[in-house]
Amino acid sequence: MARNWTPQQRKERAQDARRRKLWEYSTGPKTAEGLSKTRFNSTTTGVGTQQAVALRRAVAALLDEMGKP
C-alpha cells in the first residue's frame, strides 16, 4: 500500500534528497568488467527479451494476415 505523505514530509524528503545528491554517485559501470556484465541487461528483462520480441512479431504477423483480403 502506498504511503500518504504530508506536505511537510514531502518537503523534508525533497530537501534531504537535494542535500545528499545521490545522483552524483550513481554513474553506472566504469570498468571493462562492469561494462561487459551490464551490456546485455536490456535483452534479459523488459521489452527486449526473446519472449517479448517473439510475441511482438507474432502479433505483427497476425495483423498482417488480417489486413490482407
PDB file of N, CA and C in Angstrom:
ATOM      1  N   MET A   1       0.839  -1.166   0.000  1.00  0.00           N
ATOM      2  CA  MET A   1       0.000   0.000   0.000  1.00  0.00           C
ATOM      3  C   MET A   1       0.895   1.244   0.000  1.00  0.00           C
ATOM      4  N   ALA A   2       0.518   2.226  -0.772  1.00  0.00           N
ATOM      5  CA  ALA A   2       1.309   3.443  -0.896  1.00  0.00           C
ATOM      6  C   ALA A   2       1.203   4.281   0.374  1.00  0.00           C
ATOM      7  N   ARG A   3       2.280   4.936   0.679  1.00  0.00           N
ATOM      8  CA  ARG A   3       2.292   5.787   1.859  1.00  0.00           C
ATOM      9  C   ARG A   3       1.687   7.134   1.511  1.00  0.00           C
ATOM     10  N   ASN A   4       0.921   7.685   2.422  1.00  0.00           N
ATOM     11  CA  ASN A   4       0.351   9.020   2.245  1.00  0.00           C
ATOM     12  C   ASN A   4       1.253  10.028   2.948  1.00  0.00           C
ATOM     13  N   TRP A   5       2.029  10.750   2.159  1.00  0.00           N
ATOM     14  CA  TRP A   5       2.956  11.728   2.706  1.00  0.00           C
ATOM     15  C   TRP A   5       2.224  13.038   2.956  1.00  0.00           C
ATOM     16  N   THR A   6       2.537  13.670   4.075  1.00  0.00           N
ATOM     17  CA  THR A   6       2.001  15.001   4.333  1.00  0.00           C
ATOM     18  C   THR A   6       2.838  15.996   3.542  1.00  0.00           C
ATOM     19  N   PRO A   7       2.312  17.182   3.282  1.00  0.00           N
ATOM     20  CA  PRO A   7       3.110  18.186   2.561  1.00  0.00           C
ATOM     21  C   PRO A   7       4.442  18.485   3.263  1.00  0.00           C
ATOM     22  N   GLN A   8       4.424  18.505   4.596  1.00  0.00           N
ATOM     23  CA  GLN A   8       5.662  18.757   5.339  1.00  0.00           C
ATOM     24  C   GLN A   8       6.667  17.628   5.121  1.00  0.00           C
ATOM     25  N   GLN A   9       6.187  16.384   5.146  1.00  0.00           N
ATOM     26  CA  GLN A   9       7.078  15.245   4.931  1.00  0.00           C
ATOM     27  C   GLN A   9       7.660  15.267   3.522  1.00  0.00           C
ATOM     28  N   ARG A  10       6.840  15.601   2.538  1.00  0.00           N
ATOM     29  CA  ARG A  10       7.332  15.701   1.162  1.00  0.00           C
ATOM     30  C   ARG A  10       8.438  16.753   1.055  1.00  0.00           C
ATOM     31  N   LYS A  11       8.191  17.889   1.704  1.00  0.00           N
ATOM     32  CA  LYS A  11       9.171  18.971   1.672  1.00  0.00           C
ATOM     33  C   LYS A  11      10.489  18.526   2.311  1.00  0.00           C
ATOM     34  N   GLU A  12      10.392  17.839   3.455  1.00  0.00           N
ATOM     35  CA  GLU A  12      11.595  17.364   4.140  1.00  0.00           C
ATOM     36  C   GLU A  12      12.346  16.337   3.301  1.00  0.00           C
ATOM     37  N   ARG A  13      11.631  15.414   2.673  1.00  0.00           N
ATOM     38  CA  ARG A  13      12.286  14.400   1.836  1.00  0.00           C
ATOM     39  C   ARG A  13      12.954  15.051   0.634  1.00  0.00           C
ATOM     40  N   ALA A  14      12.309  16.059   0.051  1.00  0.00           N
ATOM     41  CA  ALA A  14      12.895  16.751  -1.098  1.00  0.00           C
ATOM     42  C   ALA A  14      14.174  17.478  -0.689  1.00  0.00           C
ATOM     43  N   GLN A  15      14.133  18.138   0.463  1.00  0.00           N
ATOM     44  CA  GLN A  15      15.324  18.830   0.955  1.00  0.00           C
ATOM     45  C   GLN A  15      16.445  17.834   1.236  1.00  0.00           C
ATOM     46  N   ASP A  16      16.086  16.706   1.832  1.00  0.00           N
ATOM     47  CA  ASP A  16      17.069  15.670   2.133  1.00  0.00           C
ATOM     48  C   ASP A  16      17.712  15.146   0.848  1.00  0.00           C
ATOM     49  N   ALA A  17      16.895  14.916  -0.164  1.00  0.00           N
ATOM     50  CA  ALA A  17      17.414  14.411  -1.440  1.00  0.00           C
ATOM     51  C   ALA A  17      18.365  15.421  -2.076  1.00  0.00           C
ATOM     52  N   ARG A  18      17.992  16.686  -2.031  1.00  0.00           N
ATOM     53  CA  ARG A  18      18.872  17.717  -2.602  1.00  0.00           C
ATOM     54  C   ARG A  18      20.176  17.839  -1.813  1.00  0.00           C
ATOM     55  N   ARG A  19      20.097  17.663  -0.503  1.00  0.00           N
ATOM     56  CA  ARG A  19      21.291  17.755   0.338  1.00  0.00           C
ATOM     57  C   ARG A  19      22.235  16.586   0.087  1.00  0.00           C
ATOM     58  N   ARG A  20      21.694  15.391  -0.050  1.00  0.00           N
ATOM     59  CA  ARG A  20      22.524  14.197  -0.194  1.00  0.00           C
ATOM     60  C   ARG A  20      23.087  14.031  -1.605  1.00  0.00           C
ATOM     61  N   LYS A  21      22.395  14.517  -2.612  1.00  0.00           N
ATOM     62  CA  LYS A  21      22.843  14.483  -4.016  1.00  0.00           C
ATOM     63  C   LYS A  21      23.297  13.091  -4.448  1.00  0.00           C
ATOM     64  N   LEU A  22      22.460  12.104  -4.213  1.00  0.00           N
ATOM     65  CA  LEU A  22      22.826  10.732  -4.548  1.00  0.00           C
ATOM     66  C   LEU A  22      23.036  10.528  -6.043  1.00  0.00           C
ATOM     67  N   TRP A  23      22.438  11.370  -6.869  1.00  0.00           N
ATOM     68  CA  TRP A  23      22.594  11.221  -8.317  1.00  0.00           C
ATOM     69  C   TRP A  23      24.045  11.434  -8.747  1.00  0.00           C
ATOM     70  N   GLU A  24      24.827  12.088  -7.921  1.00  0.00           N
ATOM     71  CA  GLU A  24      26.232  12.288  -8.266  1.00  0.00           C
ATOM     72  C   GLU A  24      27.049  11.008  -8.119  1.00  0.00           C
ATOM     73  N   TYR A  25      26.513  10.030  -7.396  1.00  0.00           N
ATOM     74  CA  TYR A  25      27.244   8.793  -7.145  1.00  0.00           C
ATOM     75  C   TYR A  25      26.765   7.630  -8.000  1.00  0.00           C
ATOM     76  N   SER A  26      25.639   7.763  -8.648  1.00  0.00           N
ATOM     77  CA  SER A  26      25.117   6.661  -9.460  1.00  0.00           C
ATOM     78  C   SER A  26      25.476   6.907 -10.922  1.00  0.00           C
ATOM     79  N   THR A  27      26.667   6.515 -11.281  1.00  0.00           N
ATOM     80  CA  THR A  27      27.170   6.809 -12.619  1.00  0.00           C
ATOM     81  C   THR A  27      27.216   5.594 -13.525  1.00  0.00           C
ATOM     82  N   GLY A  28      26.860   4.428 -12.994  1.00  0.00           N
ATOM     83  CA  GLY A  28      26.908   3.227 -13.811  1.00  0.00           C
ATOM     84  C   GLY A  28      28.293   2.616 -13.815  1.00  0.00           C
ATOM     85  N   PRO A  29      28.448   1.523 -14.539  1.00  0.00           N
ATOM     86  CA  PRO A  29      29.726   0.817 -14.551  1.00  0.00           C
ATOM     87  C   PRO A  29      30.803   1.609 -15.295  1.00  0.00           C
ATOM     88  N   LYS A  30      32.021   1.514 -14.795  1.00  0.00           N
ATOM     89  CA  LYS A  30      33.133   2.220 -15.427  1.00  0.00           C
ATOM     90  C   LYS A  30      34.227   1.269 -15.897  1.00  0.00           C
ATOM     91  N   THR A  31      34.382   0.134 -15.219  1.00  0.00           N
ATOM     92  CA  THR A  31      35.442  -0.800 -15.592  1.00  0.00           C
ATOM     93  C   THR A  31      34.995  -1.650 -16.773  1.00  0.00           C
ATOM     94  N   ALA A  32      35.945  -2.242 -17.444  1.00  0.00           N
ATOM     95  CA  ALA A  32      35.628  -3.117 -18.577  1.00  0.00           C
ATOM     96  C   ALA A  32      34.781  -4.298 -18.113  1.00  0.00           C
ATOM     97  N   GLU A  33      35.099  -4.823 -16.931  1.00  0.00           N
ATOM     98  CA  GLU A  33      34.331  -5.955 -16.400  1.00  0.00           C
ATOM     99  C   GLU A  33      32.885  -5.544 -16.114  1.00  0.00           C
ATOM    100  N   GLY A  34      32.718  -4.380 -15.500  1.00  0.00           N
ATOM    101  CA  GLY A  34      31.375  -3.899 -15.194  1.00  0.00           C
ATOM    102  C   GLY A  34      30.570  -3.624 -16.452  1.00  0.00           C
ATOM    103  N   LEU A  35      31.213  -3.036 -17.434  1.00  0.00           N
ATOM    104  CA  LEU A  35      30.533  -2.753 -18.694  1.00  0.00           C
ATOM    105  C   LEU A  35      30.108  -4.035 -19.394  1.00  0.00           C
ATOM    106  N   SER A  36      30.971  -5.043 -19.357  1.00  0.00           N
ATOM    107  CA  SER A  36      30.624  -6.295 -20.029  1.00  0.00           C
ATOM    108  C   SER A  36      29.486  -7.014 -19.311  1.00  0.00           C
ATOM    109  N   LYS A  37      29.411  -6.867 -17.994  1.00  0.00           N
ATOM    110  CA  LYS A  37      28.329  -7.508 -17.240  1.00  0.00           C
ATOM    111  C   LYS A  37      26.976  -6.867 -17.538  1.00  0.00           C
ATOM    112  N   THR A  38      26.958  -5.560 -17.749  1.00  0.00           N
ATOM    113  CA  THR A  38      25.693  -4.853 -17.941  1.00  0.00           C
ATOM    114  C   THR A  38      25.323  -4.657 -19.407  1.00  0.00           C
ATOM    115  N   ARG A  39      26.161  -5.094 -20.292  1.00  0.00           N
ATOM    116  CA  ARG A  39      25.966  -4.835 -21.715  1.00  0.00           C
ATOM    117  C   ARG A  39      24.635  -5.351 -22.261  1.00  0.00           C
ATOM    118  N   PHE A  40      24.222  -6.520 -21.821  1.00  0.00           N
ATOM    119  CA  PHE A  40      23.027  -7.134 -22.378  1.00  0.00           C
ATOM    120  C   PHE A  40      21.849  -7.137 -21.410  1.00  0.00           C
ATOM    121  N   ASN A  41      21.834  -6.224 -20.445  1.00  0.00           N
ATOM    122  CA  ASN A  41      20.724  -6.169 -19.494  1.00  0.00           C
ATOM    123  C   ASN A  41      19.380  -6.008 -20.195  1.00  0.00           C
ATOM    124  N   SER A  42      19.339  -5.236 -21.248  1.00  0.00           N
ATOM    125  CA  SER A  42      18.065  -4.976 -21.920  1.00  0.00           C
ATOM    126  C   SER A  42      17.521  -6.199 -22.641  1.00  0.00           C
ATOM    127  N   THR A  43      18.354  -7.209 -22.860  1.00  0.00           N
ATOM    128  CA  THR A  43      17.859  -8.409 -23.539  1.00  0.00           C
ATOM    129  C   THR A  43      17.405  -9.480 -22.560  1.00  0.00           C
ATOM    130  N   THR A  44      17.607  -9.252 -21.271  1.00  0.00           N
ATOM    131  CA  THR A  44      17.212 -10.253 -20.282  1.00  0.00           C
ATOM    132  C   THR A  44      15.962  -9.862 -19.517  1.00  0.00           C
ATOM    133  N   THR A  45      15.603  -8.597 -19.525  1.00  0.00           N
ATOM    134  CA  THR A  45      14.388  -8.145 -18.850  1.00  0.00           C
ATOM    135  C   THR A  45      13.691  -7.113 -19.717  1.00  0.00           C
ATOM    136  N   GLY A  46      12.400  -6.994 -19.559  1.00  0.00           N
ATOM    137  CA  GLY A  46      11.660  -5.939 -20.238  1.00  0.00           C
ATOM    138  C   GLY A  46      11.287  -6.260 -21.666  1.00  0.00           C
ATOM    139  N   VAL A  47      11.173  -5.205 -22.474  1.00  0.00           N
ATOM    140  CA  VAL A  47      10.672  -5.346 -23.837  1.00  0.00           C
ATOM    141  C   VAL A  47      11.696  -5.935 -24.794  1.00  0.00           C
ATOM    142  N   GLY A  48      12.946  -6.100 -24.379  1.00  0.00           N
ATOM    143  CA  GLY A  48      13.970  -6.636 -25.264  1.00  0.00           C
ATOM    144  C   GLY A  48      14.191  -8.128 -25.139  1.00  0.00           C
ATOM    145  N   THR A  49      13.423  -8.805 -24.293  1.00  0.00           N
ATOM    146  CA  THR A  49      13.631 -10.243 -24.117  1.00  0.00           C
ATOM    147  C   THR A  49      13.220 -10.996 -25.369  1.00  0.00           C
ATOM    148  N   GLN A  50      13.758 -12.184 -25.534  1.00  0.00           N
ATOM    149  CA  GLN A  50      13.413 -13.008 -26.692  1.00  0.00           C
ATOM    150  C   GLN A  50      11.919 -13.288 -26.718  1.00  0.00           C
ATOM    151  N   GLN A  51      11.345 -13.521 -25.549  1.00  0.00           N
ATOM    152  CA  GLN A  51       9.919 -13.823 -25.465  1.00  0.00           C
ATOM    153  C   GLN A  51       9.081 -12.620 -25.913  1.00  0.00           C
ATOM    154  N   ALA A  52       9.440 -11.429 -25.467  1.00  0.00           N
ATOM    155  CA  ALA A  52       8.693 -10.236 -25.842  1.00  0.00           C
ATOM    156  C   ALA A  52       8.835  -9.944 -27.331  1.00  0.00           C
ATOM    157  N   VAL A  53      10.034 -10.112 -27.858  1.00  0.00           N
ATOM    158  CA  VAL A  53      10.264  -9.877 -29.284  1.00  0.00           C
ATOM    159  C   VAL A  53       9.454 -10.866 -30.114  1.00  0.00           C
ATOM    160  N   ALA A  54       9.453 -12.140 -29.709  1.00  0.00           N
ATOM    161  CA  ALA A  54       8.690 -13.163 -30.434  1.00  0.00           C
ATOM    162  C   ALA A  54       7.200 -12.851 -30.400  1.00  0.00           C
ATOM    163  N   LEU A  55       6.707 -12.391 -29.267  1.00  0.00           N
ATOM    164  CA  LEU A  55       5.290 -12.043 -29.153  1.00  0.00           C
ATOM    165  C   LEU A  55       4.936 -10.881 -30.078  1.00  0.00           C
ATOM    166  N   ARG A  56       5.777  -9.851 -30.107  1.00  0.00           N
ATOM    167  CA  ARG A  56       5.507  -8.716 -30.996  1.00  0.00           C
ATOM    168  C   ARG A  56       5.513  -9.142 -32.455  1.00  0.00           C
ATOM    169  N   ARG A  57       6.438 -10.018 -32.818  1.00  0.00           N
ATOM    170  CA  ARG A  57       6.490 -10.495 -34.205  1.00  0.00           C
ATOM    171  C   ARG A  57       5.248 -11.307 -34.550  1.00  0.00           C
ATOM    172  N   ALA A  58       4.783 -12.138 -33.611  1.00  0.00           N
ATOM    173  CA  ALA A  58       3.585 -12.943 -33.846  1.00  0.00           C
ATOM    174  C   ALA A  58       2.359 -12.050 -34.007  1.00  0.00           C
ATOM    175  N   VAL A  59       2.245 -11.038 -33.175  1.00  0.00           N
ATOM    176  CA  VAL A  59       1.117 -10.108 -33.278  1.00  0.00           C
ATOM    177  C   VAL A  59       1.176  -9.360 -34.599  1.00  0.00           C
ATOM    178  N   ALA A  60       2.362  -8.925 -35.000  1.00  0.00           N
ATOM    179  CA  ALA A  60       2.507  -8.213 -36.269  1.00  0.00           C
ATOM    180  C   ALA A  60       2.116  -9.108 -37.436  1.00  0.00           C
ATOM    181  N   ALA A  61       2.505 -10.385 -37.376  1.00  0.00           N
ATOM    182  CA  ALA A  61       2.154 -11.322 -38.445  1.00  0.00           C
ATOM    183  C   ALA A  61       0.647 -11.527 -38.507  1.00  0.00           C
ATOM    184  N   LEU A  62       0.003 -11.653 -37.358  1.00  0.00           N
ATOM    185  CA  LEU A  62      -1.457 -11.807 -37.335  1.00  0.00           C
ATOM    186  C   LEU A  62      -2.156 -10.573 -37.891  1.00  0.00           C
ATOM    187  N   LEU A  63      -1.664  -9.416 -37.528  1.00  0.00           N
ATOM    188  CA  LEU A  63      -2.261  -8.184 -38.041  1.00  0.00           C
ATOM    189  C   LEU A  63      -2.084  -8.078 -39.548  1.00  0.00           C
ATOM    190  N   ASP A  64      -0.929  -8.506 -40.054  1.00  0.00           N
ATOM    191  CA  ASP A  64      -0.704  -8.511 -41.499  1.00  0.00           C
ATOM    192  C   ASP A  64      -1.688  -9.440 -42.194  1.00  0.00           C
ATOM    193  N   GLU A  65      -1.897 -10.624 -41.614  1.00  0.00           N
ATOM    194  CA  GLU A  65      -2.840 -11.582 -42.194  1.00  0.00           C
ATOM    195  C   GLU A  65      -4.259 -11.035 -42.191  1.00  0.00           C
ATOM    196  N   MET A  66      -4.634 -10.377 -41.128  1.00  0.00           N
ATOM    197  CA  MET A  66      -5.990  -9.834 -41.024  1.00  0.00           C
ATOM    198  C   MET A  66      -6.213  -8.708 -42.022  1.00  0.00           C
ATOM    199  N   GLY A  67      -5.163  -7.983 -42.334  1.00  0.00           N
ATOM    200  CA  GLY A  67      -5.286  -6.860 -43.246  1.00  0.00           C
ATOM    201  C   GLY A  67      -5.353  -7.271 -44.704  1.00  0.00           C
ATOM    202  N   LYS A  68      -4.964  -8.507 -45.010  1.00  0.00           N
ATOM    203  CA  LYS A  68      -4.980  -8.973 -46.394  1.00  0.00           C
ATOM    204  C   LYS A  68      -6.371  -9.477 -46.756  1.00  0.00           C
ATOM    205  N   PRO A  69      -6.856  -9.160 -47.983  1.00  0.00           N
ATOM    206  CA  PRO A  69      -8.197  -9.625 -48.395  1.00  0.00           C
ATOM    207  C   PRO A  69      -8.237 -11.099 -48.714  1.00  0.00           C
TER     208      PRO A  69
END
